[in-house]
Amino acid sequence: MSAHVCHACDEVITDPADADLVAHVLGNSGPGWEVYARRDHVDDVGMIDPDLLRSMTRIWDVKIAARACRQMIFGGGSWTSDTSP
């Protein structure tokens, strides 16, 4: 059995029952690896990259603004919706 390292505190998890699987990171050349954290630290593990979160937030803001403009111009319908009887 291999020892797991807590992603939050970087300490070895000695009790296997205390290790919770929090993510699986894909590898470029292989199956990747699993990320573990102690039960007490699961909520402390931030798995999303802050730069990615900032970029995705900007994309979501633009999508919401575009949807609002489309609803103001075209009266709430979607371009792809079928309104025929």
PDB file of N, CA and C in Angstrom:
ATOM      1  N   MET A   1       0.836  -1.183   0.000  1.00  0.00           N
ATOM      2  CA  MET A   1       0.000   0.000   0.000  1.00  0.00           C
ATOM      3  C   MET A   1       0.882   1.248   0.000  1.00  0.00           C
ATOM      4  N   SER A   2       0.541   2.199  -0.824  1.00  0.00           N
ATOM      5  CA  SER A   2       1.352   3.417  -0.904  1.00  0.00           C
ATOM      6  C   SER A   2       0.835   4.467   0.071  1.00  0.00           C
ATOM      7  N   ALA A   3       1.743   5.320   0.509  1.00  0.00           N
ATOM      8  CA  ALA A   3       1.369   6.403   1.408  1.00  0.00           C
ATOM      9  C   ALA A   3       0.809   7.562   0.593  1.00  0.00           C
ATOM     10  N   HIS A   4      -0.194   8.196   1.132  1.00  0.00           N
ATOM     11  CA  HIS A   4      -0.795   9.358   0.478  1.00  0.00           C
ATOM     12  C   HIS A   4      -0.326  10.625   1.175  1.00  0.00           C
ATOM     13  N   VAL A   5      -0.277  11.706   0.416  1.00  0.00           N
ATOM     14  CA  VAL A   5       0.117  13.005   0.954  1.00  0.00           C
ATOM     15  C   VAL A   5      -1.090  13.930   0.864  1.00  0.00           C
ATOM     16  N   CYS A   6      -1.366  14.631   1.945  1.00  0.00           N
ATOM     17  CA  CYS A   6      -2.499  15.568   1.982  1.00  0.00           C
ATOM     18  C   CYS A   6      -2.183  16.771   1.086  1.00  0.00           C
ATOM     19  N   HIS A   7      -3.086  17.075   0.185  1.00  0.00           N
ATOM     20  CA  HIS A   7      -2.885  18.190  -0.744  1.00  0.00           C
ATOM     21  C   HIS A   7      -2.930  19.539  -0.028  1.00  0.00           C
ATOM     22  N   ALA A   8      -3.627  19.610   1.098  1.00  0.00           N
ATOM     23  CA  ALA A   8      -3.771  20.881   1.809  1.00  0.00           C
ATOM     24  C   ALA A   8      -2.565  21.198   2.687  1.00  0.00           C
ATOM     25  N   CYS A   9      -2.065  20.195   3.430  1.00  0.00           N
ATOM     26  CA  CYS A   9      -0.979  20.486   4.381  1.00  0.00           C
ATOM     27  C   CYS A   9       0.351  19.855   3.987  1.00  0.00           C
ATOM     28  N   ASP A  10       0.387  19.074   2.902  1.00  0.00           N
ATOM     29  CA  ASP A  10       1.611  18.435   2.393  1.00  0.00           C
ATOM     30  C   ASP A  10       2.271  17.498   3.401  1.00  0.00           C
ATOM     31  N   GLU A  11       1.474  16.889   4.257  1.00  0.00           N
ATOM     32  CA  GLU A  11       1.994  15.908   5.203  1.00  0.00           C
ATOM     33  C   GLU A  11       1.507  14.527   4.801  1.00  0.00           C
ATOM     34  N   VAL A  12       2.263  13.505   5.170  1.00  0.00           N
ATOM     35  CA  VAL A  12       1.890  12.128   4.869  1.00  0.00           C
ATOM     36  C   VAL A  12       0.667  11.744   5.696  1.00  0.00           C
ATOM     37  N   ILE A  13      -0.284  11.101   5.052  1.00  0.00           N
ATOM     38  CA  ILE A  13      -1.483  10.614   5.735  1.00  0.00           C
ATOM     39  C   ILE A  13      -1.181   9.185   6.174  1.00  0.00           C
ATOM     40  N   THR A  14      -1.017   8.998   7.467  1.00  0.00           N
ATOM     41  CA  THR A  14      -0.622   7.686   7.979  1.00  0.00           C
ATOM     42  C   THR A  14      -1.801   6.731   8.115  1.00  0.00           C
ATOM     43  N   ASP A  15      -2.982   7.240   8.390  1.00  0.00           N
ATOM     44  CA  ASP A  15      -4.167   6.396   8.550  1.00  0.00           C
ATOM     45  C   ASP A  15      -4.913   6.326   7.218  1.00  0.00           C
ATOM     46  N   PRO A  16      -4.994   5.162   6.589  1.00  0.00           N
ATOM     47  CA  PRO A  16      -5.676   5.061   5.291  1.00  0.00           C
ATOM     48  C   PRO A  16      -7.145   5.465   5.352  1.00  0.00           C
ATOM     49  N   ALA A  17      -7.774   5.293   6.498  1.00  0.00           N
ATOM     50  CA  ALA A  17      -9.184   5.676   6.636  1.00  0.00           C
ATOM     51  C   ALA A  17      -9.357   7.189   6.665  1.00  0.00           C
ATOM     52  N   ASP A  18      -8.276   7.916   6.922  1.00  0.00           N
ATOM     53  CA  ASP A  18      -8.328   9.379   6.997  1.00  0.00           C
ATOM     54  C   ASP A  18      -8.093  10.040   5.634  1.00  0.00           C
ATOM     55  N   ALA A  19      -7.738   9.260   4.620  1.00  0.00           N
ATOM     56  CA  ALA A  19      -7.439   9.809   3.289  1.00  0.00           C
ATOM     57  C   ALA A  19      -8.697   9.819   2.425  1.00  0.00           C
ATOM     58  N   ASP A  20      -9.077  10.998   1.938  1.00  0.00           N
ATOM     59  CA  ASP A  20     -10.209  11.140   1.026  1.00  0.00           C
ATOM     60  C   ASP A  20      -9.697  11.542  -0.353  1.00  0.00           C
ATOM     61  N   LEU A  21     -10.191  10.870  -1.357  1.00  0.00           N
ATOM     62  CA  LEU A  21      -9.837  11.198  -2.731  1.00  0.00           C
ATOM     63  C   LEU A  21     -10.591  12.461  -3.126  1.00  0.00           C
ATOM     64  N   VAL A  22      -9.870  13.523  -3.509  1.00  0.00           N
ATOM     65  CA  VAL A  22     -10.527  14.788  -3.840  1.00  0.00           C
ATOM     66  C   VAL A  22     -10.473  15.117  -5.329  1.00  0.00           C
ATOM     67  N   ALA A  23      -9.564  14.496  -6.081  1.00  0.00           N
ATOM     68  CA  ALA A  23      -9.482  14.799  -7.512  1.00  0.00           C
ATOM     69  C   ALA A  23      -8.612  13.766  -8.207  1.00  0.00           C
ATOM     70  N   HIS A  24      -8.723  13.751  -9.527  1.00  0.00           N
ATOM     71  CA  HIS A  24      -7.827  12.965 -10.367  1.00  0.00           C
ATOM     72  C   HIS A  24      -7.246  13.914 -11.407  1.00  0.00           C
ATOM     73  N   VAL A  25      -5.941  14.045 -11.427  1.00  0.00           N
ATOM     74  CA  VAL A  25      -5.270  14.946 -12.356  1.00  0.00           C
ATOM     75  C   VAL A  25      -4.804  14.130 -13.554  1.00  0.00           C
ATOM     76  N   LEU A  26      -5.197  14.551 -14.750  1.00  0.00           N
ATOM     77  CA  LEU A  26      -4.796  13.847 -15.960  1.00  0.00           C
ATOM     78  C   LEU A  26      -3.333  14.120 -16.258  1.00  0.00           C
ATOM     79  N   GLY A  27      -2.634  13.110 -16.734  1.00  0.00           N
ATOM     80  CA  GLY A  27      -1.238  13.257 -17.086  1.00  0.00           C
ATOM     81  C   GLY A  27      -1.063  13.414 -18.582  1.00  0.00           C
ATOM     82  N   ASN A  28       0.027  14.042 -19.005  1.00  0.00           N
ATOM     83  CA  ASN A  28       0.305  14.202 -20.435  1.00  0.00           C
ATOM     84  C   ASN A  28       0.752  12.898 -21.077  1.00  0.00           C
ATOM     85  N   SER A  29       1.439  12.071 -20.333  1.00  0.00           N
ATOM     86  CA  SER A  29       1.926  10.809 -20.887  1.00  0.00           C
ATOM     87  C   SER A  29       1.690   9.695 -19.869  1.00  0.00           C
ATOM     88  N   GLY A  30       0.449   9.337 -19.699  1.00  0.00           N
ATOM     89  CA  GLY A  30       0.115   8.293 -18.748  1.00  0.00           C
ATOM     90  C   GLY A  30      -1.247   8.531 -18.139  1.00  0.00           C
ATOM     91  N   PRO A  31      -1.611   7.688 -17.200  1.00  0.00           N
ATOM     92  CA  PRO A  31      -2.957   7.766 -16.654  1.00  0.00           C
ATOM     93  C   PRO A  31      -3.184   8.922 -15.685  1.00  0.00           C
ATOM     94  N   GLY A  32      -2.152   9.604 -15.246  1.00  0.00           N
ATOM     95  CA  GLY A  32      -2.318  10.695 -14.300  1.00  0.00           C
ATOM     96  C   GLY A  32      -2.152  10.213 -12.871  1.00  0.00           C
ATOM     97  N   TRP A  33      -2.686  10.967 -11.915  1.00  0.00           N
ATOM     98  CA  TRP A  33      -2.548  10.596 -10.514  1.00  0.00           C
ATOM     99  C   TRP A  33      -3.752  11.088  -9.741  1.00  0.00           C
ATOM    100  N   GLU A  34      -3.915  10.480  -8.568  1.00  0.00           N
ATOM    101  CA  GLU A  34      -5.021  10.840  -7.692  1.00  0.00           C
ATOM    102  C   GLU A  34      -4.525  11.799  -6.617  1.00  0.00           C
ATOM    103  N   VAL A  35      -5.386  12.736  -6.238  1.00  0.00           N
ATOM    104  CA  VAL A  35      -5.051  13.738  -5.233  1.00  0.00           C
ATOM    105  C   VAL A  35      -5.875  13.431  -3.982  1.00  0.00           C
ATOM    106  N   TYR A  36      -5.193  13.341  -2.861  1.00  0.00           N
ATOM    107  CA  TYR A  36      -5.845  13.011  -1.598  1.00  0.00           C
ATOM    108  C   TYR A  36      -5.725  14.167  -0.618  1.00  0.00           C
ATOM    109  N   ALA A  37      -6.635  14.181   0.360  1.00  0.00           N
ATOM    110  CA  ALA A  37      -6.583  15.144   1.464  1.00  0.00           C
ATOM    111  C   ALA A  37      -7.107  14.460   2.716  1.00  0.00           C
ATOM    112  N   ARG A  38      -6.675  14.941   3.857  1.00  0.00           N
ATOM    113  CA  ARG A  38      -7.217  14.434   5.120  1.00  0.00           C
ATOM    114  C   ARG A  38      -8.692  14.841   5.208  1.00  0.00           C
ATOM    115  N   ARG A  39      -9.459  14.067   5.938  1.00  0.00           N
ATOM    116  CA  ARG A  39     -10.889  14.382   6.087  1.00  0.00           C
ATOM    117  C   ARG A  39     -11.098  15.806   6.613  1.00  0.00           C
ATOM    118  N   ASP A  40     -10.244  16.235   7.533  1.00  0.00           N
ATOM    119  CA  ASP A  40     -10.386  17.579   8.102  1.00  0.00           C
ATOM    120  C   ASP A  40     -10.023  18.673   7.102  1.00  0.00           C
ATOM    121  N   HIS A  41      -9.270  18.336   6.063  1.00  0.00           N
ATOM    122  CA  HIS A  41      -8.764  19.342   5.124  1.00  0.00           C
ATOM    123  C   HIS A  41      -9.459  19.323   3.765  1.00  0.00           C
ATOM    124  N   VAL A  42     -10.458  18.480   3.584  1.00  0.00           N
ATOM    125  CA  VAL A  42     -11.107  18.354   2.272  1.00  0.00           C
ATOM    126  C   VAL A  42     -11.686  19.691   1.814  1.00  0.00           C
ATOM    127  N   ASP A  43     -12.296  20.432   2.726  1.00  0.00           N
ATOM    128  CA  ASP A  43     -12.891  21.721   2.351  1.00  0.00           C
ATOM    129  C   ASP A  43     -11.840  22.790   2.063  1.00  0.00           C
ATOM    130  N   ASP A  44     -10.612  22.589   2.520  1.00  0.00           N
ATOM    131  CA  ASP A  44      -9.542  23.575   2.320  1.00  0.00           C
ATOM    132  C   ASP A  44      -8.845  23.431   0.976  1.00  0.00           C
ATOM    133  N   VAL A  45      -9.107  22.338   0.277  1.00  0.00           N
ATOM    134  CA  VAL A  45      -8.408  22.065  -0.978  1.00  0.00           C
ATOM    135  C   VAL A  45      -9.085  22.849  -2.099  1.00  0.00           C
ATOM    136  N   GLY A  46      -8.362  23.779  -2.689  1.00  0.00           N
ATOM    137  CA  GLY A  46      -8.859  24.539  -3.835  1.00  0.00           C
ATOM    138  C   GLY A  46      -8.260  23.956  -5.099  1.00  0.00           C
ATOM    139  N   MET A  47      -9.038  23.252  -5.884  1.00  0.00           N
ATOM    140  CA  MET A  47      -8.491  22.535  -7.029  1.00  0.00           C
ATOM    141  C   MET A  47      -8.503  23.347  -8.324  1.00  0.00           C
ATOM    142  N   ILE A  48      -9.201  24.470  -8.354  1.00  0.00           N
ATOM    143  CA  ILE A  48      -9.265  25.217  -9.607  1.00  0.00           C
ATOM    144  C   ILE A  48      -8.141  26.256  -9.649  1.00  0.00           C
ATOM    145  N   ASP A  49      -7.553  26.387 -10.798  1.00  0.00           N
ATOM    146  CA  ASP A  49      -6.488  27.349 -11.015  1.00  0.00           C
ATOM    147  C   ASP A  49      -7.086  28.759 -10.998  1.00  0.00           C
ATOM    148  N   PRO A  50      -6.543  29.697 -10.231  1.00  0.00           N
ATOM    149  CA  PRO A  50      -7.111  31.042 -10.157  1.00  0.00           C
ATOM    150  C   PRO A  50      -7.150  31.764 -11.507  1.00  0.00           C
ATOM    151  N   ASP A  51      -6.148  31.540 -12.360  1.00  0.00           N
ATOM    152  CA  ASP A  51      -6.155  32.176 -13.682  1.00  0.00           C
ATOM    153  C   ASP A  51      -7.287  31.606 -14.545  1.00  0.00           C
ATOM    154  N   LEU A  52      -7.502  30.306 -14.470  1.00  0.00           N
ATOM    155  CA  LEU A  52      -8.595  29.688 -15.207  1.00  0.00           C
ATOM    156  C   LEU A  52      -9.934  30.207 -14.707  1.00  0.00           C
ATOM    157  N   LEU A  53     -10.093  30.323 -13.396  1.00  0.00           N
ATOM    158  CA  LEU A  53     -11.343  30.830 -12.832  1.00  0.00           C
ATOM    159  C   LEU A  53     -11.609  32.261 -13.293  1.00  0.00           C
ATOM    160  N   ARG A  54     -10.584  33.092 -13.314  1.00  0.00           N
ATOM    161  CA  ARG A  54     -10.731  34.481 -13.754  1.00  0.00           C
ATOM    162  C   ARG A  54     -11.150  34.530 -15.229  1.00  0.00           C
ATOM    163  N   SER A  55     -10.531  33.706 -16.062  1.00  0.00           N
ATOM    164  CA  SER A  55     -10.874  33.671 -17.492  1.00  0.00           C
ATOM    165  C   SER A  55     -12.292  33.181 -17.709  1.00  0.00           C
ATOM    166  N   MET A  56     -12.664  32.109 -17.015  1.00  0.00           N
ATOM    167  CA  MET A  56     -14.015  31.564 -17.178  1.00  0.00           C
ATOM    168  C   MET A  56     -15.079  32.549 -16.680  1.00  0.00           C
ATOM    169  N   THR A  57     -14.770  33.288 -15.615  1.00  0.00           N
ATOM    170  CA  THR A  57     -15.711  34.292 -15.116  1.00  0.00           C
ATOM    171  C   THR A  57     -15.948  35.376 -16.163  1.00  0.00           C
ATOM    172  N   ARG A  58     -14.899  35.798 -16.856  1.00  0.00           N
ATOM    173  CA  ARG A  58     -15.061  36.796 -17.922  1.00  0.00           C
ATOM    174  C   ARG A  58     -15.918  36.249 -19.065  1.00  0.00           C
ATOM    175  N   ILE A  59     -15.683  34.992 -19.430  1.00  0.00           N
ATOM    176  CA  ILE A  59     -16.478  34.378 -20.505  1.00  0.00           C
ATOM    177  C   ILE A  59     -17.934  34.297 -20.096  1.00  0.00           C
ATOM    178  N   TRP A  60     -18.215  33.882 -18.866  1.00  0.00           N
ATOM    179  CA  TRP A  60     -19.597  33.778 -18.405  1.00  0.00           C
ATOM    180  C   TRP A  60     -20.265  35.145 -18.365  1.00  0.00           C
ATOM    181  N   ASP A  61     -19.518  36.187 -17.955  1.00  0.00           N
ATOM    182  CA  ASP A  61     -20.077  37.543 -17.935  1.00  0.00           C
ATOM    183  C   ASP A  61     -20.471  37.989 -19.343  1.00  0.00           C
ATOM    184  N   VAL A  62     -19.623  37.724 -20.333  1.00  0.00           N
ATOM    185  CA  VAL A  62     -19.915  38.107 -21.711  1.00  0.00           C
ATOM    186  C   VAL A  62     -21.131  37.342 -22.229  1.00  0.00           C
ATOM    187  N   LYS A  63     -21.224  36.054 -21.915  1.00  0.00           N
ATOM    188  CA  LYS A  63     -22.373  35.258 -22.353  1.00  0.00           C
ATOM    189  C   LYS A  63     -23.675  35.785 -21.754  1.00  0.00           C
ATOM    190  N   ILE A  64     -23.647  36.147 -20.472  1.00  0.00           N
ATOM    191  CA  ILE A  64     -24.841  36.677 -19.818  1.00  0.00           C
ATOM    192  C   ILE A  64     -25.234  38.014 -20.430  1.00  0.00           C
ATOM    193  N   ALA A  65     -24.253  38.873 -20.691  1.00  0.00           N
ATOM    194  CA  ALA A  65     -24.548  40.173 -21.299  1.00  0.00           C
ATOM    195  C   ALA A  65     -25.095  40.001 -22.717  1.00  0.00           C
ATOM    196  N   ALA A  66     -24.534  39.069 -23.482  1.00  0.00           N
ATOM    197  CA  ALA A  66     -25.022  38.823 -24.842  1.00  0.00           C
ATOM    198  C   ALA A  66     -26.450  38.298 -24.815  1.00  0.00           C
ATOM    199  N   ARG A  67     -26.745  37.419 -23.875  1.00  0.00           N
ATOM    200  CA  ARG A  67     -28.104  36.881 -23.765  1.00  0.00           C
ATOM    201  C   ARG A  67     -29.095  37.996 -23.405  1.00  0.00           C
ATOM    202  N   ALA A  68     -28.696  38.894 -22.499  1.00  0.00           N
ATOM    203  CA  ALA A  68     -29.566  39.995 -22.109  1.00  0.00           C
ATOM    204  C   ALA A  68     -29.819  40.934 -23.296  1.00  0.00           C
ATOM    205  N   CYS A  69     -28.781  41.235 -24.077  1.00  0.00           N
ATOM    206  CA  CYS A  69     -28.950  42.084 -25.264  1.00  0.00           C
ATOM    207  C   CYS A  69     -29.855  41.423 -26.285  1.00  0.00           C
ATOM    208  N   ARG A  70     -29.666  40.124 -26.495  1.00  0.00           N
ATOM    209  CA  ARG A  70     -30.485  39.395 -27.456  1.00  0.00           C
ATOM    210  C   ARG A  70     -31.950  39.406 -27.035  1.00  0.00           C
ATOM    211  N   GLN A  71     -32.218  39.277 -25.739  1.00  0.00           N
ATOM    212  CA  GLN A  71     -33.588  39.298 -25.253  1.00  0.00           C
ATOM    213  C   GLN A  71     -34.199  40.686 -25.400  1.00  0.00           C
ATOM    214  N   MET A  72     -33.397  41.738 -25.209  1.00  0.00           N
ATOM    215  CA  MET A  72     -33.922  43.096 -25.374  1.00  0.00           C
ATOM    216  C   MET A  72     -34.243  43.383 -26.835  1.00  0.00           C
ATOM    217  N   ILE A  73     -33.395  42.908 -27.741  1.00  0.00           N
ATOM    218  CA  ILE A  73     -33.584  43.194 -29.160  1.00  0.00           C
ATOM    219  C   ILE A  73     -34.660  42.322 -29.776  1.00  0.00           C
ATOM    220  N   PHE A  74     -34.637  41.043 -29.485  1.00  0.00           N
ATOM    221  CA  PHE A  74     -35.520  40.094 -30.153  1.00  0.00           C
ATOM    222  C   PHE A  74     -36.682  39.620 -29.291  1.00  0.00           C
ATOM    223  N   GLY A  75     -36.873  40.205 -28.131  1.00  0.00           N
ATOM    224  CA  GLY A  75     -38.055  39.899 -27.349  1.00  0.00           C
ATOM    225  C   GLY A  75     -38.032  38.592 -26.583  1.00  0.00           C
ATOM    226  N   GLY A  76     -36.899  38.171 -26.116  1.00  0.00           N
ATOM    227  CA  GLY A  76     -36.848  37.030 -25.227  1.00  0.00           C
ATOM    228  C   GLY A  76     -36.673  35.686 -25.888  1.00  0.00           C
ATOM    229  N   GLY A  77     -36.843  35.603 -27.182  1.00  0.00           N
ATOM    230  CA  GLY A  77     -36.676  34.313 -27.844  1.00  0.00           C
ATOM    231  C   GLY A  77     -35.228  34.013 -28.146  1.00  0.00           C
ATOM    232  N   SER A  78     -34.965  32.765 -28.328  1.00  0.00           N
ATOM    233  CA  SER A  78     -33.626  32.346 -28.696  1.00  0.00           C
ATOM    234  C   SER A  78     -33.551  32.235 -30.213  1.00  0.00           C
ATOM    235  N   TRP A  79     -32.375  32.441 -30.784  1.00  0.00           N
ATOM    236  CA  TRP A  79     -32.213  32.329 -32.232  1.00  0.00           C
ATOM    237  C   TRP A  79     -32.477  30.914 -32.725  1.00  0.00           C
ATOM    238  N   THR A  80     -32.258  29.935 -31.848  1.00  0.00           N
ATOM    239  CA  THR A  80     -32.416  28.549 -32.280  1.00  0.00           C
ATOM    240  C   THR A  80     -33.770  27.974 -31.901  1.00  0.00           C
ATOM    241  N   SER A  81     -34.613  28.714 -31.190  1.00  0.00           N
ATOM    242  CA  SER A  81     -35.894  28.155 -30.780  1.00  0.00           C
ATOM    243  C   SER A  81     -36.869  28.134 -31.953  1.00  0.00           C
ATOM    244  N   ASP A  82     -37.665  27.120 -31.974  1.00  0.00           N
ATOM    245  CA  ASP A  82     -38.664  26.957 -33.027  1.00  0.00           C
ATOM    246  C   ASP A  82     -39.986  27.470 -32.508  1.00  0.00           C
ATOM    247  N   THR A  83     -40.512  28.559 -33.067  1.00  0.00           N
ATOM    248  CA  THR A  83     -41.755  29.152 -32.602  1.00  0.00           C
ATOM    249  C   THR A  83     -42.923  28.839 -33.521  1.00  0.00           C
ATOM    250  N   SER A  84     -42.727  27.954 -34.488  1.00  0.00           N
ATOM    251  CA  SER A  84     -43.826  27.619 -35.399  1.00  0.00           C
ATOM    252  C   SER A  84     -44.839  26.714 -34.704  1.00  0.00           C
ATOM    253  N   PRO A  85     -46.137  26.854 -35.067  1.00  0.00           N
ATOM    254  CA  PRO A  85     -47.172  26.043 -34.418  1.00  0.00           C
ATOM    255  C   PRO A  85     -47.108  24.592 -34.791  1.00  0.00           C
TER     256      PRO A  85
END
